[in-house]
Amino acid sequence: MYGECMKNEDAVSPVVGVMLMLVVTIIIAAVVSGFAGGLISGQEKSPTLSMDVTIANTGSYIGSGFTASVLGVSEPISTTDLKIVTSWSTTMKDNTDPGLTEQQKTISNGNTFTGGNTSLPNSANVICYQGMKTKTVTNWSTAPFGIGAGVDQTNPTDPMGKSADAYQKPGWFGQFTLQEGVNLFAYPYGSDSGQAIAGALSEPADSGYNGETLYAYKYASGLYEEGQADPTQALLGYGWEQLRAGDTVNVKVIYTPTGAAIYNSNIAVED
């Protein structure tokens, strides 16, 4: 009888052990699952952005450049958290254009070449004269610029030395927030008191293709020097003026905290 009792007690022990192991396993699984869930929920989410983008080359600095209208956002997006990446491919039309880089000038007319640029917030990318008298080439501002709802007019001075309150000025990229109603732009002028560095204001034929001349950056009136970059060059990269209707430019807006592209579209160039 005593032997049978001992035998029965031995039979209970493995069952209890298995149950304990199951309980411990379930507890560990619950802890790991909760930890993983906390990690996932703690990851920053990317906002959403909808824009209407236009890129044009009219054959002149007049009407050419980049514009974007913000149609909607999931939440206001500070441009300090963004970078804009552009890329494109086209054929060389005029490799004597002083607006090209030295490497681009080695590409024969008719051959394909690529271009584009990356615009970072508060990183000056417009390179121009800081005043007509000194003729000092310097980094001045950050394109694309923003205007519209909630844009802070915080820029210090313009190239002619006027104070920020002398007239309404657009915000530099990195100094404003994207929300519905905000417009971005980068036009091919702006180095000398708003004058076009693509050519003389009084002679549009000297600064673009209009059936008579190829679009090329000119030295007209001393407004352009090699190595300068107007807002359109800053955003689209050197050589952008070789683009024509039918070409496309890929435009990405990257939300840097997550690295996600919150806008990514191929934009057909207009004339």
C-alpha atoms as a PDB file:
ATOM      1  CA  MET A   1       0.000   0.000   0.000  1.00  0.00           C
ATOM      2  CA  TYR A   2       2.790   2.367   0.923  1.00  0.00           C
ATOM      3  CA  GLY A   3       4.469   1.554  -2.336  1.00  0.00           C
ATOM      4  CA  GLU A   4       1.323   2.400  -4.292  1.00  0.00           C
ATOM      5  CA  CYS A   5       1.085   5.826  -2.560  1.00  0.00           C
ATOM      6  CA  MET A   6       4.636   6.642  -3.470  1.00  0.00           C
ATOM      7  CA  LYS A   7       3.944   5.539  -7.024  1.00  0.00           C
ATOM      8  CA  ASN A   8       0.898   7.812  -7.276  1.00  0.00           C
ATOM      9  CA  GLU A   9       2.812  10.825  -5.923  1.00  0.00           C
ATOM     10  CA  ASP A  10       5.549  10.308  -8.498  1.00  0.00           C
ATOM     11  CA  ALA A  11       2.902  10.368 -11.233  1.00  0.00           C
ATOM     12  CA  VAL A  12       1.635  13.832 -10.190  1.00  0.00           C
ATOM     13  CA  SER A  13       5.056  15.531 -10.236  1.00  0.00           C
ATOM     14  CA  PRO A  14       5.678  15.510 -14.045  1.00  0.00           C
ATOM     15  CA  VAL A  15       2.184  16.923 -14.717  1.00  0.00           C
ATOM     16  CA  VAL A  16       2.782  19.835 -12.356  1.00  0.00           C
ATOM     17  CA  GLY A  17       6.177  20.451 -13.914  1.00  0.00           C
ATOM     18  CA  VAL A  18       4.751  20.573 -17.445  1.00  0.00           C
ATOM     19  CA  MET A  19       2.006  22.963 -16.333  1.00  0.00           C
ATOM     20  CA  LEU A  20       4.550  25.244 -14.689  1.00  0.00           C
ATOM     21  CA  MET A  21       6.653  25.264 -17.862  1.00  0.00           C
ATOM     22  CA  LEU A  22       3.580  26.157 -19.920  1.00  0.00           C
ATOM     23  CA  VAL A  23       2.691  29.015 -17.560  1.00  0.00           C
ATOM     24  CA  VAL A  24       6.244  30.387 -17.651  1.00  0.00           C
ATOM     25  CA  THR A  25       6.311  30.121 -21.473  1.00  0.00           C
ATOM     26  CA  ILE A  26       3.008  31.984 -21.760  1.00  0.00           C
ATOM     27  CA  ILE A  27       4.221  34.729 -19.413  1.00  0.00           C
ATOM     28  CA  ILE A  28       7.476  35.164 -21.365  1.00  0.00           C
ATOM     29  CA  ALA A  29       5.564  35.267 -24.662  1.00  0.00           C
ATOM     30  CA  ALA A  30       3.222  37.931 -23.261  1.00  0.00           C
ATOM     31  CA  VAL A  31       6.147  40.051 -22.050  1.00  0.00           C
ATOM     32  CA  VAL A  32       7.984  39.802 -25.391  1.00  0.00           C
ATOM     33  CA  SER A  33       4.804  40.577 -27.308  1.00  0.00           C
ATOM     34  CA  GLY A  34       4.096  43.615 -25.147  1.00  0.00           C
ATOM     35  CA  PHE A  35       7.670  44.862 -25.544  1.00  0.00           C
ATOM     36  CA  ALA A  36       7.550  44.448 -29.329  1.00  0.00           C
ATOM     37  CA  GLY A  37       4.189  46.190 -29.459  1.00  0.00           C
ATOM     38  CA  GLY A  38       5.614  49.079 -27.478  1.00  0.00           C
ATOM     39  CA  LEU A  39       8.488  49.402 -29.912  1.00  0.00           C
ATOM     40  CA  ILE A  40       6.140  49.458 -32.898  1.00  0.00           C
ATOM     41  CA  SER A  41       3.770  51.980 -31.361  1.00  0.00           C
ATOM     42  CA  GLY A  42       6.730  54.145 -30.358  1.00  0.00           C
ATOM     43  CA  GLN A  43       8.012  54.513 -33.928  1.00  0.00           C
ATOM     44  CA  GLU A  44       7.378  57.958 -35.442  1.00  0.00           C
ATOM     45  CA  LYS A  45       4.854  57.980 -38.238  1.00  0.00           C
ATOM     46  CA  SER A  46       5.356  59.970 -41.428  1.00  0.00           C
ATOM     47  CA  PRO A  47       2.836  62.699 -42.270  1.00  0.00           C
ATOM     48  CA  THR A  48       1.088  62.734 -45.631  1.00  0.00           C
ATOM     49  CA  LEU A  49       1.482  65.474 -48.223  1.00  0.00           C
ATOM     50  CA  SER A  50      -0.444  66.274 -51.400  1.00  0.00           C
ATOM     51  CA  MET A  51       0.856  68.914 -53.828  1.00  0.00           C
ATOM     52  CA  ASP A  52       0.197  70.268 -57.314  1.00  0.00           C
ATOM     53  CA  VAL A  53       3.645  70.741 -58.892  1.00  0.00           C
ATOM     54  CA  THR A  54       4.512  72.566 -62.113  1.00  0.00           C
ATOM     55  CA  ILE A  55       7.917  72.776 -63.818  1.00  0.00           C
ATOM     56  CA  ALA A  56       8.137  75.026 -66.863  1.00  0.00           C
ATOM     57  CA  ASN A  57      10.719  76.168 -69.381  1.00  0.00           C
ATOM     58  CA  THR A  58       9.087  78.823 -71.540  1.00  0.00           C
ATOM     59  CA  GLY A  59      12.294  79.691 -73.340  1.00  0.00           C
ATOM     60  CA  SER A  60      12.808  82.703 -71.103  1.00  0.00           C
ATOM     61  CA  TYR A  61      13.224  83.409 -67.407  1.00  0.00           C
ATOM     62  CA  ILE A  62       9.691  84.832 -67.641  1.00  0.00           C
ATOM     63  CA  GLY A  63       7.246  82.059 -66.721  1.00  0.00           C
ATOM     64  CA  SER A  64       9.958  79.447 -66.218  1.00  0.00           C
ATOM     65  CA  GLY A  65      10.828  77.593 -63.033  1.00  0.00           C
ATOM     66  CA  PHE A  66       9.246  75.483 -60.290  1.00  0.00           C
ATOM     67  CA  THR A  67       5.971  76.018 -58.421  1.00  0.00           C
ATOM     68  CA  ALA A  68       4.121  73.772 -55.967  1.00  0.00           C
ATOM     69  CA  SER A  69       0.784  74.335 -54.239  1.00  0.00           C
ATOM     70  CA  VAL A  70       0.122  72.383 -51.046  1.00  0.00           C
ATOM     71  CA  LEU A  71      -3.323  70.791 -51.440  1.00  0.00           C
ATOM     72  CA  GLY A  72      -3.400  68.996 -48.120  1.00  0.00           C
ATOM     73  CA  VAL A  73      -1.372  67.556 -45.227  1.00  0.00           C
ATOM     74  CA  SER A  74      -2.242  65.141 -42.438  1.00  0.00           C
ATOM     75  CA  GLU A  75      -0.644  67.641 -40.041  1.00  0.00           C
ATOM     76  CA  PRO A  76       1.450  70.818 -40.415  1.00  0.00           C
ATOM     77  CA  ILE A  77       4.952  69.835 -41.549  1.00  0.00           C
ATOM     78  CA  SER A  78       7.966  71.970 -40.656  1.00  0.00           C
ATOM     79  CA  THR A  79      10.328  72.288 -43.605  1.00  0.00           C
ATOM     80  CA  THR A  80      13.196  71.811 -41.154  1.00  0.00           C
ATOM     81  CA  ASP A  81      12.167  68.120 -41.251  1.00  0.00           C
ATOM     82  CA  LEU A  82      12.213  67.885 -45.043  1.00  0.00           C
ATOM     83  CA  LYS A  83      14.588  67.636 -47.966  1.00  0.00           C
ATOM     84  CA  ILE A  84      13.673  67.888 -51.639  1.00  0.00           C
ATOM     85  CA  VAL A  85      15.392  65.644 -54.173  1.00  0.00           C
ATOM     86  CA  THR A  86      15.048  66.220 -57.924  1.00  0.00           C
ATOM     87  CA  SER A  87      16.381  64.139 -60.821  1.00  0.00           C
ATOM     88  CA  TRP A  88      15.948  64.212 -64.593  1.00  0.00           C
ATOM     89  CA  SER A  89      17.409  63.179 -67.929  1.00  0.00           C
ATOM     90  CA  THR A  90      17.448  65.086 -71.225  1.00  0.00           C
ATOM     91  CA  THR A  91      19.583  65.746 -74.299  1.00  0.00           C
ATOM     92  CA  MET A  92      22.153  68.519 -74.485  1.00  0.00           C
ATOM     93  CA  LYS A  93      20.948  71.444 -76.599  1.00  0.00           C
ATOM     94  CA  ASP A  94      23.713  74.008 -76.061  1.00  0.00           C
ATOM     95  CA  ASN A  95      26.926  72.931 -74.369  1.00  0.00           C
ATOM     96  CA  THR A  96      28.347  76.474 -74.519  1.00  0.00           C
ATOM     97  CA  ASP A  97      25.807  77.647 -71.958  1.00  0.00           C
ATOM     98  CA  PRO A  98      27.701  79.280 -69.051  1.00  0.00           C
ATOM     99  CA  GLY A  99      24.992  77.955 -66.725  1.00  0.00           C
ATOM    100  CA  LEU A 100      26.376  74.435 -67.181  1.00  0.00           C
ATOM    101  CA  THR A 101      29.085  72.885 -65.050  1.00  0.00           C
ATOM    102  CA  GLU A 102      32.492  72.308 -66.627  1.00  0.00           C
ATOM    103  CA  GLN A 103      31.774  68.578 -66.766  1.00  0.00           C
ATOM    104  CA  GLN A 104      28.415  69.162 -68.465  1.00  0.00           C
ATOM    105  CA  LYS A 105      30.094  71.343 -71.097  1.00  0.00           C
ATOM    106  CA  THR A 106      32.093  68.318 -72.256  1.00  0.00           C
ATOM    107  CA  ILE A 107      28.863  66.549 -73.308  1.00  0.00           C
ATOM    108  CA  SER A 108      28.252  66.853 -77.044  1.00  0.00           C
ATOM    109  CA  ASN A 109      25.030  68.441 -78.252  1.00  0.00           C
ATOM    110  CA  GLY A 110      22.401  65.767 -78.858  1.00  0.00           C
ATOM    111  CA  ASN A 111      23.795  63.398 -76.220  1.00  0.00           C
ATOM    112  CA  THR A 112      21.814  62.379 -73.148  1.00  0.00           C
ATOM    113  CA  PHE A 113      22.833  63.618 -69.726  1.00  0.00           C
ATOM    114  CA  THR A 114      21.310  63.599 -66.254  1.00  0.00           C
ATOM    115  CA  GLY A 115      20.863  66.241 -63.598  1.00  0.00           C
ATOM    116  CA  GLY A 116      19.077  67.224 -60.422  1.00  0.00           C
ATOM    117  CA  ASN A 117      19.867  68.336 -56.909  1.00  0.00           C
ATOM    118  CA  THR A 118      19.083  67.914 -53.209  1.00  0.00           C
ATOM    119  CA  SER A 119      17.777  70.933 -51.293  1.00  0.00           C
ATOM    120  CA  LEU A 120      18.331  70.900 -47.529  1.00  0.00           C
ATOM    121  CA  PRO A 121      16.560  73.188 -45.028  1.00  0.00           C
ATOM    122  CA  ASN A 122      18.432  76.361 -44.024  1.00  0.00           C
ATOM    123  CA  SER A 123      21.366  75.366 -46.226  1.00  0.00           C
ATOM    124  CA  ALA A 124      22.014  78.285 -48.589  1.00  0.00           C
ATOM    125  CA  ASN A 125      21.903  77.116 -52.194  1.00  0.00           C
ATOM    126  CA  VAL A 126      21.292  80.353 -54.122  1.00  0.00           C
ATOM    127  CA  ILE A 127      24.730  81.695 -55.055  1.00  0.00           C
ATOM    128  CA  CYS A 128      24.697  85.266 -56.347  1.00  0.00           C
ATOM    129  CA  TYR A 129      25.982  88.821 -56.088  1.00  0.00           C
ATOM    130  CA  GLN A 130      25.651  90.424 -52.669  1.00  0.00           C
ATOM    131  CA  GLY A 131      25.160  93.909 -54.071  1.00  0.00           C
ATOM    132  CA  MET A 132      25.842  95.382 -57.498  1.00  0.00           C
ATOM    133  CA  LYS A 133      28.801  97.522 -56.447  1.00  0.00           C
ATOM    134  CA  THR A 134      30.878  94.960 -54.599  1.00  0.00           C
ATOM    135  CA  LYS A 135      30.266  92.151 -57.119  1.00  0.00           C
ATOM    136  CA  THR A 136      30.981  89.682 -54.323  1.00  0.00           C
ATOM    137  CA  VAL A 137      29.559  86.248 -55.097  1.00  0.00           C
ATOM    138  CA  THR A 138      28.112  84.643 -51.985  1.00  0.00           C
ATOM    139  CA  ASN A 139      25.564  82.112 -50.765  1.00  0.00           C
ATOM    140  CA  TRP A 140      22.495  84.166 -50.030  1.00  0.00           C
ATOM    141  CA  SER A 141      19.288  82.201 -49.534  1.00  0.00           C
ATOM    142  CA  THR A 142      17.671  78.757 -49.528  1.00  0.00           C
ATOM    143  CA  ALA A 143      15.279  77.707 -52.305  1.00  0.00           C
ATOM    144  CA  PRO A 144      12.505  76.779 -52.775  1.00  0.00           C
ATOM    145  CA  PHE A 145      10.808  79.720 -51.130  1.00  0.00           C
ATOM    146  CA  GLY A 146       7.412  79.660 -49.462  1.00  0.00           C
ATOM    147  CA  ILE A 147       4.514  82.088 -49.384  1.00  0.00           C
ATOM    148  CA  GLY A 148       0.987  81.849 -48.074  1.00  0.00           C
ATOM    149  CA  ALA A 149      -0.775  80.788 -44.898  1.00  0.00           C
ATOM    150  CA  GLY A 150       1.386  80.851 -41.801  1.00  0.00           C
ATOM    151  CA  VAL A 151       4.685  81.598 -43.574  1.00  0.00           C
ATOM    152  CA  ASP A 152       7.012  83.589 -41.315  1.00  0.00           C
ATOM    153  CA  GLN A 153       8.634  86.563 -43.023  1.00  0.00           C
ATOM    154  CA  THR A 154      11.875  86.194 -41.045  1.00  0.00           C
ATOM    155  CA  ASN A 155      14.586  86.815 -43.649  1.00  0.00           C
ATOM    156  CA  PRO A 156      17.205  89.374 -42.544  1.00  0.00           C
ATOM    157  CA  THR A 157      18.016  91.404 -45.674  1.00  0.00           C
ATOM    158  CA  ASP A 158      17.867  91.184 -49.435  1.00  0.00           C
ATOM    159  CA  PRO A 159      20.910  91.606 -51.736  1.00  0.00           C
ATOM    160  CA  MET A 160      20.349  95.386 -51.859  1.00  0.00           C
ATOM    161  CA  GLY A 161      20.477  95.673 -48.069  1.00  0.00           C
ATOM    162  CA  LYS A 162      16.824  96.432 -47.388  1.00  0.00           C
ATOM    163  CA  SER A 163      15.480  95.339 -44.024  1.00  0.00           C
ATOM    164  CA  ALA A 164      13.058  92.459 -43.730  1.00  0.00           C
ATOM    165  CA  ASP A 165      10.174  94.800 -42.982  1.00  0.00           C
ATOM    166  CA  ALA A 166      10.765  96.921 -46.075  1.00  0.00           C
ATOM    167  CA  TYR A 167       8.359  94.718 -48.010  1.00  0.00           C
ATOM    168  CA  GLN A 168       6.800  91.287 -47.775  1.00  0.00           C
ATOM    169  CA  LYS A 169       9.371  88.567 -48.375  1.00  0.00           C
ATOM    170  CA  PRO A 170       8.904  84.827 -48.819  1.00  0.00           C
ATOM    171  CA  GLY A 171      10.239  82.341 -46.304  1.00  0.00           C
ATOM    172  CA  TRP A 172      13.385  80.389 -47.096  1.00  0.00           C
ATOM    173  CA  PHE A 173      13.196  76.594 -47.173  1.00  0.00           C
ATOM    174  CA  GLY A 174      13.571  75.563 -43.555  1.00  0.00           C
ATOM    175  CA  GLN A 175      11.862  78.680 -42.204  1.00  0.00           C
ATOM    176  CA  PHE A 176       8.214  77.827 -42.808  1.00  0.00           C
ATOM    177  CA  THR A 177       5.664  75.067 -42.336  1.00  0.00           C
ATOM    178  CA  LEU A 178       3.769  73.206 -45.044  1.00  0.00           C
ATOM    179  CA  GLN A 179       0.026  73.363 -44.692  1.00  0.00           C
ATOM    180  CA  GLU A 180      -2.880  73.782 -47.058  1.00  0.00           C
ATOM    181  CA  GLY A 181      -2.621  77.111 -48.860  1.00  0.00           C
ATOM    182  CA  VAL A 182       1.187  77.353 -48.797  1.00  0.00           C
ATOM    183  CA  ASN A 183       2.919  77.735 -52.172  1.00  0.00           C
ATOM    184  CA  LEU A 184       6.547  76.952 -52.970  1.00  0.00           C
ATOM    185  CA  PHE A 185       8.472  78.465 -55.865  1.00  0.00           C
ATOM    186  CA  ALA A 186      11.940  78.666 -57.415  1.00  0.00           C
ATOM    187  CA  TYR A 187      12.249  81.007 -60.391  1.00  0.00           C
ATOM    188  CA  PRO A 188      15.347  81.581 -62.575  1.00  0.00           C
ATOM    189  CA  TYR A 189      16.149  85.040 -61.249  1.00  0.00           C
ATOM    190  CA  GLY A 190      17.025  86.774 -58.053  1.00  0.00           C
ATOM    191  CA  SER A 191      20.719  87.574 -57.854  1.00  0.00           C
ATOM    192  CA  ASP A 192      20.610  91.338 -58.288  1.00  0.00           C
ATOM    193  CA  SER A 193      17.630  93.078 -56.682  1.00  0.00           C
ATOM    194  CA  GLY A 194      15.259  90.596 -58.298  1.00  0.00           C
ATOM    195  CA  GLN A 195      16.720  90.895 -61.798  1.00  0.00           C
ATOM    196  CA  ALA A 196      17.110  87.766 -63.865  1.00  0.00           C
ATOM    197  CA  ILE A 197      20.605  86.325 -63.966  1.00  0.00           C
ATOM    198  CA  ALA A 198      19.548  84.359 -67.029  1.00  0.00           C
ATOM    199  CA  GLY A 199      19.730  87.533 -69.093  1.00  0.00           C
ATOM    200  CA  ALA A 200      18.847  91.207 -69.276  1.00  0.00           C
ATOM    201  CA  LEU A 201      15.284  92.084 -68.307  1.00  0.00           C
ATOM    202  CA  SER A 202      14.879  94.382 -71.290  1.00  0.00           C
ATOM    203  CA  GLU A 203      15.929  91.737 -73.824  1.00  0.00           C
ATOM    204  CA  PRO A 204      14.022  88.459 -73.298  1.00  0.00           C
ATOM    205  CA  ALA A 205      15.413  87.143 -76.592  1.00  0.00           C
ATOM    206  CA  ASP A 206      18.893  87.245 -75.063  1.00  0.00           C
ATOM    207  CA  SER A 207      17.929  84.957 -72.209  1.00  0.00           C
ATOM    208  CA  GLY A 208      15.935  82.151 -73.725  1.00  0.00           C
ATOM    209  CA  TYR A 209      14.907  80.248 -76.809  1.00  0.00           C
ATOM    210  CA  ASN A 210      11.990  82.025 -78.464  1.00  0.00           C
ATOM    211  CA  GLY A 211      12.325  80.658 -81.960  1.00  0.00           C
ATOM    212  CA  GLU A 212      15.553  82.604 -82.456  1.00  0.00           C
ATOM    213  CA  THR A 213      18.004  81.632 -79.727  1.00  0.00           C
ATOM    214  CA  LEU A 214      18.604  78.640 -77.482  1.00  0.00           C
ATOM    215  CA  TYR A 215      17.846  79.011 -73.798  1.00  0.00           C
ATOM    216  CA  ALA A 216      21.180  79.664 -72.155  1.00  0.00           C
ATOM    217  CA  TYR A 217      22.467  81.651 -69.242  1.00  0.00           C
ATOM    218  CA  LYS A 218      24.055  84.789 -70.651  1.00  0.00           C
ATOM    219  CA  TYR A 219      26.590  87.302 -69.418  1.00  0.00           C
ATOM    220  CA  ALA A 220      24.203  90.078 -70.516  1.00  0.00           C
ATOM    221  CA  SER A 221      24.544  93.285 -68.444  1.00  0.00           C
ATOM    222  CA  GLY A 222      27.029  91.502 -66.205  1.00  0.00           C
ATOM    223  CA  LEU A 223      24.221  89.814 -64.303  1.00  0.00           C
ATOM    224  CA  TYR A 224      25.590  86.289 -64.556  1.00  0.00           C
ATOM    225  CA  GLU A 225      28.926  84.819 -63.607  1.00  0.00           C
ATOM    226  CA  GLU A 226      29.936  81.189 -63.905  1.00  0.00           C
ATOM    227  CA  GLY A 227      29.408  79.360 -60.643  1.00  0.00           C
ATOM    228  CA  GLN A 228      26.366  81.360 -59.659  1.00  0.00           C
ATOM    229  CA  ALA A 229      23.113  79.518 -58.964  1.00  0.00           C
ATOM    230  CA  ASP A 230      19.690  81.107 -59.134  1.00  0.00           C
ATOM    231  CA  PRO A 231      16.733  79.505 -57.301  1.00  0.00           C
ATOM    232  CA  THR A 232      15.798  77.198 -60.203  1.00  0.00           C
ATOM    233  CA  GLN A 233      19.380  75.994 -60.597  1.00  0.00           C
ATOM    234  CA  ALA A 234      19.504  75.483 -56.827  1.00  0.00           C
ATOM    235  CA  LEU A 235      16.407  73.272 -56.837  1.00  0.00           C
ATOM    236  CA  LEU A 236      16.637  71.471 -60.204  1.00  0.00           C
ATOM    237  CA  GLY A 237      20.407  71.488 -60.609  1.00  0.00           C
ATOM    238  CA  TYR A 238      22.759  72.969 -63.196  1.00  0.00           C
ATOM    239  CA  GLY A 239      21.691  72.329 -66.788  1.00  0.00           C
ATOM    240  CA  TRP A 240      17.950  72.435 -66.036  1.00  0.00           C
ATOM    241  CA  GLU A 241      17.425  74.973 -68.847  1.00  0.00           C
ATOM    242  CA  GLN A 242      18.174  72.182 -71.352  1.00  0.00           C
ATOM    243  CA  LEU A 243      14.841  70.589 -70.363  1.00  0.00           C
ATOM    244  CA  ARG A 244      11.977  70.849 -72.845  1.00  0.00           C
ATOM    245  CA  ALA A 245       8.288  69.971 -72.993  1.00  0.00           C
ATOM    246  CA  GLY A 246       8.025  66.169 -72.938  1.00  0.00           C
ATOM    247  CA  ASP A 247      10.891  65.733 -70.479  1.00  0.00           C
ATOM    248  CA  THR A 248      10.049  64.705 -66.917  1.00  0.00           C
ATOM    249  CA  VAL A 249      11.526  65.644 -63.555  1.00  0.00           C
ATOM    250  CA  ASN A 250      11.211  63.291 -60.588  1.00  0.00           C
ATOM    251  CA  VAL A 251      10.443  65.261 -57.435  1.00  0.00           C
ATOM    252  CA  LYS A 252      10.712  63.634 -54.007  1.00  0.00           C
ATOM    253  CA  VAL A 253       9.959  65.244 -50.651  1.00  0.00           C
ATOM    254  CA  ILE A 254      11.677  63.228 -47.917  1.00  0.00           C
ATOM    255  CA  TYR A 255      10.517  63.395 -44.293  1.00  0.00           C
ATOM    256  CA  THR A 256      13.917  63.114 -42.631  1.00  0.00           C
ATOM    257  CA  PRO A 257      12.843  61.849 -39.160  1.00  0.00           C
ATOM    258  CA  THR A 258      11.651  58.595 -40.792  1.00  0.00           C
ATOM    259  CA  GLY A 259      13.426  58.734 -44.159  1.00  0.00           C
ATOM    260  CA  ALA A 260      10.099  58.201 -45.958  1.00  0.00           C
ATOM    261  CA  ALA A 261       9.216  59.905 -49.255  1.00  0.00           C
ATOM    262  CA  ILE A 262       5.955  61.676 -48.464  1.00  0.00           C
ATOM    263  CA  TYR A 263       5.748  63.029 -52.019  1.00  0.00           C
ATOM    264  CA  ASN A 264       7.141  61.257 -55.073  1.00  0.00           C
ATOM    265  CA  SER A 265       6.023  62.149 -58.582  1.00  0.00           C
ATOM    266  CA  ASN A 266       7.331  62.467 -62.148  1.00  0.00           C
ATOM    267  CA  ILE A 267       6.439  65.965 -63.339  1.00  0.00           C
ATOM    268  CA  ALA A 268       6.112  66.629 -67.059  1.00  0.00           C
ATOM    269  CA  VAL A 269       7.960  69.791 -68.117  1.00  0.00           C
ATOM    270  CA  GLU A 270       5.741  72.461 -69.665  1.00  0.00           C
ATOM    271  CA  ASP A 271       6.679  75.160 -72.146  1.00  0.00           C
END
